[in-house]
């Protein structure tokens, strides 16, 4: 008989037992890694996870670890959210809250080095813009009500 590896799709030669599938829950035997010799006849293969012919050295420690994740300043997030609420829902209260928390977050970020400077800056800017627009809108509303009160008699008498 030859020592050449046989094709698993071919039936076994005359007089040989067919290969048995592994028992339930057991892994099938793995061929040796490329370039490695299988164990000699009668010898046990290496332990699970141990490649053929390599000594059991401990794993090397990684040279560099991932940098720790820096957190985002909470006041910066609160500033942006409250400024947007002030812009769309509650004009004065939301804008003032966004301005105050935005300035507080920017000073904390400068002191601690946290992330979120853009959020704090956006919250502060949107808060100021919302406050200015709310003031302009209030001035226009008061002026219109004044004009309407003065001219209401003239408009209704025609």
C-alpha atoms as a PDB file:
ATOM      1  CA  UNK A   1       0.000   0.000   0.000  1.00  0.00           C
ATOM      2  CA  UNK A   2       1.107   3.538  -0.628  1.00  0.00           C
ATOM      3  CA  UNK A   3       1.572   6.247   1.998  1.00  0.00           C
ATOM      4  CA  UNK A   4      -0.002   8.918  -0.207  1.00  0.00           C
ATOM      5  CA  UNK A   5      -3.017  10.593   1.272  1.00  0.00           C
ATOM      6  CA  UNK A   6      -6.201   9.266  -0.184  1.00  0.00           C
ATOM      7  CA  UNK A   7      -9.190  11.257  -1.350  1.00  0.00           C
ATOM      8  CA  UNK A   8     -11.956  11.149   1.292  1.00  0.00           C
ATOM      9  CA  UNK A   9     -14.561  10.931  -1.472  1.00  0.00           C
ATOM     10  CA  UNK A  10     -13.194   7.540  -2.599  1.00  0.00           C
ATOM     11  CA  UNK A  11     -14.186   4.348  -0.778  1.00  0.00           C
ATOM     12  CA  UNK A  12     -11.540   2.642   1.404  1.00  0.00           C
ATOM     13  CA  UNK A  13      -9.225   0.052  -0.147  1.00  0.00           C
ATOM     14  CA  UNK A  14     -10.064  -3.647   0.102  1.00  0.00           C
ATOM     15  CA  UNK A  15      -9.708  -4.934   3.670  1.00  0.00           C
ATOM     16  CA  UNK A  16      -9.626  -1.488   5.348  1.00  0.00           C
ATOM     17  CA  UNK A  17     -12.275  -0.124   7.657  1.00  0.00           C
ATOM     18  CA  UNK A  18     -14.144   2.965   6.457  1.00  0.00           C
ATOM     19  CA  UNK A  19     -13.449   6.096   8.535  1.00  0.00           C
ATOM     20  CA  UNK A  20     -15.961   6.526  11.341  1.00  0.00           C
ATOM     21  CA  UNK A  21     -17.593   9.899  11.954  1.00  0.00           C
ATOM     22  CA  UNK A  22     -16.788  11.491  15.311  1.00  0.00           C
ATOM     23  CA  UNK A  23     -19.123  10.798  18.237  1.00  0.00           C
ATOM     24  CA  UNK A  24     -21.801  13.351  19.057  1.00  0.00           C
ATOM     25  CA  UNK A  25     -20.282  16.489  20.611  1.00  0.00           C
ATOM     26  CA  UNK A  26     -16.711  15.682  19.556  1.00  0.00           C
ATOM     27  CA  UNK A  27     -14.822  17.604  16.927  1.00  0.00           C
ATOM     28  CA  UNK A  28     -13.471  15.718  13.931  1.00  0.00           C
ATOM     29  CA  UNK A  29      -9.689  15.321  13.829  1.00  0.00           C
ATOM     30  CA  UNK A  30      -7.996  18.270  12.191  1.00  0.00           C
ATOM     31  CA  UNK A  31      -5.144  17.879   9.720  1.00  0.00           C
ATOM     32  CA  UNK A  32      -1.788  19.325  10.779  1.00  0.00           C
ATOM     33  CA  UNK A  33      -1.022  22.960   9.983  1.00  0.00           C
ATOM     34  CA  UNK A  34       0.685  23.747   6.694  1.00  0.00           C
ATOM     35  CA  UNK A  35       4.335  22.756   6.796  1.00  0.00           C
ATOM     36  CA  UNK A  36       3.995  20.626   9.961  1.00  0.00           C
ATOM     37  CA  UNK A  37       4.448  16.881  10.150  1.00  0.00           C
ATOM     38  CA  UNK A  38       1.731  14.709  11.661  1.00  0.00           C
ATOM     39  CA  UNK A  39       2.669  12.743  14.801  1.00  0.00           C
ATOM     40  CA  UNK A  40       4.508   9.468  14.296  1.00  0.00           C
ATOM     41  CA  UNK A  41       2.527   6.251  14.485  1.00  0.00           C
ATOM     42  CA  UNK A  42       1.521   5.482  18.078  1.00  0.00           C
ATOM     43  CA  UNK A  43       2.219   8.983  19.419  1.00  0.00           C
ATOM     44  CA  UNK A  44      -0.469  11.239  20.793  1.00  0.00           C
ATOM     45  CA  UNK A  45      -1.215  14.442  18.914  1.00  0.00           C
ATOM     46  CA  UNK A  46      -0.536  17.677  20.782  1.00  0.00           C
ATOM     47  CA  UNK A  47      -3.108  19.085  23.176  1.00  0.00           C
ATOM     48  CA  UNK A  48      -6.088  21.038  21.895  1.00  0.00           C
ATOM     49  CA  UNK A  49      -5.063  24.446  20.582  1.00  0.00           C
ATOM     50  CA  UNK A  50      -1.362  23.538  20.515  1.00  0.00           C
ATOM     51  CA  UNK A  51       0.042  23.419  16.949  1.00  0.00           C
ATOM     52  CA  UNK A  52       2.362  20.605  15.972  1.00  0.00           C
ATOM     53  CA  UNK A  53       6.005  21.126  16.820  1.00  0.00           C
ATOM     54  CA  UNK A  54       5.719  24.413  18.705  1.00  0.00           C
ATOM     55  CA  UNK A  55       6.770  24.816  22.318  1.00  0.00           C
ATOM     56  CA  UNK A  56       4.208  26.006  24.852  1.00  0.00           C
ATOM     57  CA  UNK A  57       5.277  29.591  25.473  1.00  0.00           C
ATOM     58  CA  UNK A  58       2.940  32.090  27.123  1.00  0.00           C
ATOM     59  CA  UNK A  59       1.248  34.613  24.867  1.00  0.00           C
ATOM     60  CA  UNK A  60       3.036  37.916  24.478  1.00  0.00           C
ATOM     61  CA  UNK A  61       1.403  40.944  26.068  1.00  0.00           C
ATOM     62  CA  UNK A  62       0.191  43.571  23.585  1.00  0.00           C
ATOM     63  CA  UNK A  63       2.624  46.421  23.125  1.00  0.00           C
ATOM     64  CA  UNK A  64       0.022  49.158  23.102  1.00  0.00           C
ATOM     65  CA  UNK A  65      -3.485  49.132  24.468  1.00  0.00           C
ATOM     66  CA  UNK A  66      -6.389  51.101  23.144  1.00  0.00           C
ATOM     67  CA  UNK A  67      -6.656  54.557  24.653  1.00  0.00           C
ATOM     68  CA  UNK A  68      -9.380  54.891  27.256  1.00  0.00           C
ATOM     69  CA  UNK A  69     -12.588  56.329  25.879  1.00  0.00           C
ATOM     70  CA  UNK A  70     -13.164  59.903  26.948  1.00  0.00           C
ATOM     71  CA  UNK A  71     -16.673  60.824  27.908  1.00  0.00           C
ATOM     72  CA  UNK A  72     -18.807  63.596  26.486  1.00  0.00           C
ATOM     73  CA  UNK A  73     -19.688  66.441  28.805  1.00  0.00           C
ATOM     74  CA  UNK A  74     -23.281  66.061  29.945  1.00  0.00           C
ATOM     75  CA  UNK A  75     -23.927  69.797  30.199  1.00  0.00           C
ATOM     76  CA  UNK A  76     -22.966  70.177  26.545  1.00  0.00           C
ATOM     77  CA  UNK A  77     -25.668  67.713  25.536  1.00  0.00           C
ATOM     78  CA  UNK A  78     -28.185  69.417  27.855  1.00  0.00           C
ATOM     79  CA  UNK A  79     -27.242  72.773  26.371  1.00  0.00           C
ATOM     80  CA  UNK A  80     -27.907  71.706  22.796  1.00  0.00           C
ATOM     81  CA  UNK A  81     -31.169  69.952  23.636  1.00  0.00           C
ATOM     82  CA  UNK A  82     -32.544  72.822  25.711  1.00  0.00           C
ATOM     83  CA  UNK A  83     -31.519  75.358  23.071  1.00  0.00           C
ATOM     84  CA  UNK A  84     -33.376  73.402  20.407  1.00  0.00           C
ATOM     85  CA  UNK A  85     -36.398  73.145  22.704  1.00  0.00           C
ATOM     86  CA  UNK A  86     -36.156  76.901  23.231  1.00  0.00           C
ATOM     87  CA  UNK A  87     -35.930  77.486  19.498  1.00  0.00           C
ATOM     88  CA  UNK A  88     -38.965  75.370  18.617  1.00  0.00           C
ATOM     89  CA  UNK A  89     -41.157  74.927  21.722  1.00  0.00           C
ATOM     90  CA  UNK A  90     -40.543  77.224  24.713  1.00  0.00           C
ATOM     91  CA  UNK A  91     -38.834  80.369  23.384  1.00  0.00           C
ATOM     92  CA  UNK A  92     -37.429  82.205  26.394  1.00  0.00           C
ATOM     93  CA  UNK A  93     -36.991  79.492  29.009  1.00  0.00           C
ATOM     94  CA  UNK A  94     -35.315  76.933  26.723  1.00  0.00           C
ATOM     95  CA  UNK A  95     -32.966  79.481  25.165  1.00  0.00           C
ATOM     96  CA  UNK A  96     -31.833  80.884  28.506  1.00  0.00           C
ATOM     97  CA  UNK A  97     -31.272  77.380  29.869  1.00  0.00           C
ATOM     98  CA  UNK A  98     -29.275  76.494  26.747  1.00  0.00           C
ATOM     99  CA  UNK A  99     -27.123  79.609  27.055  1.00  0.00           C
ATOM    100  CA  UNK A 100     -26.344  79.066  30.744  1.00  0.00           C
ATOM    101  CA  UNK A 101     -25.587  75.346  30.435  1.00  0.00           C
ATOM    102  CA  UNK A 102     -23.588  75.968  27.251  1.00  0.00           C
ATOM    103  CA  UNK A 103     -21.260  78.424  28.964  1.00  0.00           C
ATOM    104  CA  UNK A 104     -20.939  76.113  31.974  1.00  0.00           C
ATOM    105  CA  UNK A 105     -20.093  73.147  29.731  1.00  0.00           C
ATOM    106  CA  UNK A 106     -17.466  75.098  27.795  1.00  0.00           C
ATOM    107  CA  UNK A 107     -15.687  76.064  31.010  1.00  0.00           C
ATOM    108  CA  UNK A 108     -15.852  72.472  32.309  1.00  0.00           C
ATOM    109  CA  UNK A 109     -14.513  71.114  29.015  1.00  0.00           C
ATOM    110  CA  UNK A 110     -11.628  73.570  29.093  1.00  0.00           C
ATOM    111  CA  UNK A 111     -10.809  72.523  32.665  1.00  0.00           C
ATOM    112  CA  UNK A 112     -11.265  68.723  32.404  1.00  0.00           C
ATOM    113  CA  UNK A 113     -10.474  67.996  28.732  1.00  0.00           C
ATOM    114  CA  UNK A 114     -13.713  66.095  28.113  1.00  0.00           C
ATOM    115  CA  UNK A 115     -15.310  65.693  24.700  1.00  0.00           C
ATOM    116  CA  UNK A 116     -18.310  67.739  23.573  1.00  0.00           C
ATOM    117  CA  UNK A 117     -16.909  71.194  22.890  1.00  0.00           C
ATOM    118  CA  UNK A 118     -18.822  71.355  19.597  1.00  0.00           C
ATOM    119  CA  UNK A 119     -22.074  70.398  21.317  1.00  0.00           C
ATOM    120  CA  UNK A 120     -21.581  73.054  23.993  1.00  0.00           C
ATOM    121  CA  UNK A 121     -20.677  75.677  21.418  1.00  0.00           C
ATOM    122  CA  UNK A 122     -23.664  74.776  19.231  1.00  0.00           C
ATOM    123  CA  UNK A 123     -25.971  74.858  22.250  1.00  0.00           C
ATOM    124  CA  UNK A 124     -24.691  78.284  23.233  1.00  0.00           C
ATOM    125  CA  UNK A 125     -25.012  79.711  19.710  1.00  0.00           C
ATOM    126  CA  UNK A 126     -28.472  78.249  19.089  1.00  0.00           C
ATOM    127  CA  UNK A 127     -29.562  79.524  22.515  1.00  0.00           C
ATOM    128  CA  UNK A 128     -28.398  83.087  21.764  1.00  0.00           C
ATOM    129  CA  UNK A 129     -29.985  83.048  18.295  1.00  0.00           C
ATOM    130  CA  UNK A 130     -33.238  81.697  19.725  1.00  0.00           C
ATOM    131  CA  UNK A 131     -33.246  84.355  22.460  1.00  0.00           C
ATOM    132  CA  UNK A 132     -32.607  87.176  19.976  1.00  0.00           C
ATOM    133  CA  UNK A 133     -35.343  85.901  17.657  1.00  0.00           C
ATOM    134  CA  UNK A 134     -37.744  85.568  20.596  1.00  0.00           C
ATOM    135  CA  UNK A 135     -37.026  89.166  21.643  1.00  0.00           C
ATOM    136  CA  UNK A 136     -37.484  90.444  18.071  1.00  0.00           C
ATOM    137  CA  UNK A 137     -40.705  88.432  17.757  1.00  0.00           C
ATOM    138  CA  UNK A 138     -41.990  89.869  21.029  1.00  0.00           C
ATOM    139  CA  UNK A 139     -41.195  93.429  19.907  1.00  0.00           C
ATOM    140  CA  UNK A 140     -42.992  92.857  16.579  1.00  0.00           C
ATOM    141  CA  UNK A 141     -46.004  91.331  18.377  1.00  0.00           C
ATOM    142  CA  UNK A 142     -46.261  94.275  20.809  1.00  0.00           C
ATOM    143  CA  UNK A 143     -45.908  96.785  17.975  1.00  0.00           C
ATOM    144  CA  UNK A 144     -48.590  95.025  15.936  1.00  0.00           C
ATOM    145  CA  UNK A 145     -50.970  94.856  18.905  1.00  0.00           C
ATOM    146  CA  UNK A 146     -50.383  98.587  19.527  1.00  0.00           C
ATOM    147  CA  UNK A 147     -51.011  99.419  15.883  1.00  0.00           C
ATOM    148  CA  UNK A 148     -54.141  97.249  15.882  1.00  0.00           C
ATOM    149  CA  UNK A 149     -55.467  98.917  19.050  1.00  0.00           C
ATOM    150  CA  UNK A 150     -54.946 102.395  17.610  1.00  0.00           C
ATOM    151  CA  UNK A 151     -56.435 101.595  14.218  1.00  0.00           C
ATOM    152  CA  UNK A 152     -59.176  99.180  15.267  1.00  0.00           C
ATOM    153  CA  UNK A 153     -61.865 101.847  15.271  1.00  0.00           C
ATOM    154  CA  UNK A 154     -60.933 103.069  11.813  1.00  0.00           C
ATOM    155  CA  UNK A 155     -60.824  99.577  10.323  1.00  0.00           C
ATOM    156  CA  UNK A 156     -64.139  98.484  11.838  1.00  0.00           C
ATOM    157  CA  UNK A 157     -66.042 101.688  10.903  1.00  0.00           C
ATOM    158  CA  UNK A 158     -65.330 101.299   7.194  1.00  0.00           C
END
